[in-house]
């Protein structure tokens, strides 16, 4: 597994506090829709992964996951991709911020 430069550092487990992250991973070796399905199925089956989208043309996976001491890290996700037969390189991993519940957004969804 390759990792990107230090600016794309993967999250570290931090004493029981769960955080939502999104990892962008280059996936090499996929040649068809079956390959995409295999990778997506493996990622979505991991505890802590909340979403996974794999793009054949871009050769990338975007994975949203909760980083906890018992959950996956970005490295674990790359290893899972490699376990199903593809090369994986972590390109970026960023902390997701929860959407704010602004009054304007709430009003817009209520009004007709």
Protein backbone atom coordinates (compact mmCIF):
# COMPACT_ATOMS: atom_id res chain seq x y z
CA UNK A 1 0.00 0.00 0.00
CA UNK A 2 1.28 3.42 -0.90
CA UNK A 3 0.40 6.52 1.03
CA UNK A 4 0.28 10.07 -0.21
CA UNK A 5 2.51 12.84 1.08
CA UNK A 6 2.10 14.01 4.68
CA UNK A 7 -0.61 16.55 3.79
CA UNK A 8 -2.99 13.62 3.23
CA UNK A 9 -2.26 12.04 6.61
CA UNK A 10 -4.72 9.42 7.73
CA UNK A 11 -6.61 9.87 10.97
CA UNK A 12 -5.17 8.53 14.17
CA UNK A 13 -7.30 6.84 16.79
CA UNK A 14 -7.85 9.29 19.63
CA UNK A 15 -9.09 7.83 22.86
CA UNK A 16 -12.64 6.78 22.08
CA UNK A 17 -13.86 9.88 20.25
CA UNK A 18 -15.38 8.93 16.92
CA UNK A 19 -14.88 11.20 13.94
CA UNK A 20 -16.22 11.03 10.42
CA UNK A 21 -13.60 11.03 7.67
CA UNK A 22 -13.62 10.83 3.90
CA UNK A 23 -10.74 9.07 2.19
CA UNK A 24 -9.91 9.33 -1.50
CA UNK A 25 -8.02 6.26 -2.66
CA UNK A 26 -6.50 5.45 -6.04
CA UNK A 27 -7.45 1.89 -6.99
CA UNK A 28 -5.32 0.35 -9.71
CA UNK A 29 -6.02 -2.84 -11.63
CA UNK A 30 -9.79 -2.54 -12.10
CA UNK A 31 -10.87 -3.37 -15.63
CA UNK A 32 -14.65 -3.81 -15.51
CA UNK A 33 -17.87 -3.26 -13.60
CA UNK A 34 -17.36 -6.54 -11.77
CA UNK A 35 -14.09 -5.19 -10.34
CA UNK A 36 -15.89 -2.05 -9.16
CA UNK A 37 -18.62 -4.15 -7.57
CA UNK A 38 -16.06 -6.34 -5.78
CA UNK A 39 -14.27 -3.33 -4.28
CA UNK A 40 -17.50 -1.55 -3.30
CA UNK A 41 -18.94 -4.69 -1.70
CA UNK A 42 -15.76 -5.21 0.34
CA UNK A 43 -15.65 -1.59 1.51
CA UNK A 44 -19.35 -1.35 2.36
CA UNK A 45 -19.03 -4.57 4.37
CA UNK A 46 -16.44 -3.06 6.70
CA UNK A 47 -17.57 -2.01 10.17
CA UNK A 48 -17.40 1.75 10.45
CA UNK A 49 -17.72 2.47 6.72
CA UNK A 50 -20.81 4.61 6.14
CA UNK A 51 -20.48 5.01 2.36
CA UNK A 52 -18.23 3.90 -0.49
CA UNK A 53 -18.26 4.88 -4.16
CA UNK A 54 -15.83 3.41 -6.67
CA UNK A 55 -15.27 4.92 -10.12
CA UNK A 56 -13.78 2.68 -12.82
CA UNK A 57 -12.83 5.46 -15.23
CA UNK A 58 -11.16 7.63 -12.58
CA UNK A 59 -9.66 4.54 -10.87
CA UNK A 60 -10.66 5.97 -7.48
CA UNK A 61 -12.70 5.12 -4.43
CA UNK A 62 -14.22 7.69 -2.10
CA UNK A 63 -14.93 6.16 1.30
CA UNK A 64 -16.68 7.80 4.24
CA UNK A 65 -15.95 6.14 7.57
CA UNK A 66 -16.04 6.62 11.31
CA UNK A 67 -12.59 6.49 12.86
CA UNK A 68 -12.73 4.95 16.33
CA UNK A 69 -10.36 2.70 18.27
CA UNK A 70 -12.42 -0.31 17.16
CA UNK A 71 -13.18 0.97 13.65
CA UNK A 72 -11.15 1.16 10.46
CA UNK A 73 -8.41 3.63 9.65
CA UNK A 74 -7.61 4.84 6.14
CA UNK A 75 -4.77 2.31 6.08
CA UNK A 76 -7.20 -0.50 6.98
CA UNK A 77 -9.41 0.54 4.08
CA UNK A 78 -6.46 0.46 1.65
CA UNK A 79 -5.50 -2.98 2.96
CA UNK A 80 -9.07 -4.22 2.39
CA UNK A 81 -8.85 -3.11 -1.25
CA UNK A 82 -5.54 -4.91 -1.61
CA UNK A 83 -7.04 -8.04 0.00
CA UNK A 84 -9.49 -8.32 -2.94
CA UNK A 85 -6.67 -8.08 -5.48
CA UNK A 86 -6.15 -4.42 -6.38
CA UNK A 87 -3.44 -1.89 -5.64
CA UNK A 88 -4.48 0.97 -3.37
CA UNK A 89 -2.88 4.35 -2.74
CA UNK A 90 -4.26 6.82 -0.21
CA UNK A 91 -4.55 10.19 -1.96
CA UNK A 92 -6.29 12.22 0.74
CA UNK A 93 -8.10 11.79 4.01
CA UNK A 94 -10.06 14.67 5.48
CA UNK A 95 -12.27 15.08 8.51
CA UNK A 96 -15.90 15.65 7.61
CA UNK A 97 -17.80 18.37 9.40
CA UNK A 98 -21.40 17.60 10.25
CA UNK A 99 -23.92 19.76 8.40
CA UNK A 100 -25.04 22.71 10.49
CA UNK A 101 -28.69 23.14 11.16
CA UNK A 102 -29.00 26.72 10.05
CA UNK A 103 -32.43 28.40 10.43
CA UNK A 104 -32.40 29.32 6.72
CA UNK A 105 -31.89 25.71 5.66
CA UNK A 106 -34.66 24.57 7.99
CA UNK A 107 -37.07 27.20 6.66
CA UNK A 108 -36.30 26.37 3.05
CA UNK A 109 -37.13 22.72 3.56
CA UNK A 110 -40.41 23.53 5.36
CA UNK A 111 -41.76 26.25 3.09
CA UNK A 112 -43.56 25.35 -0.12
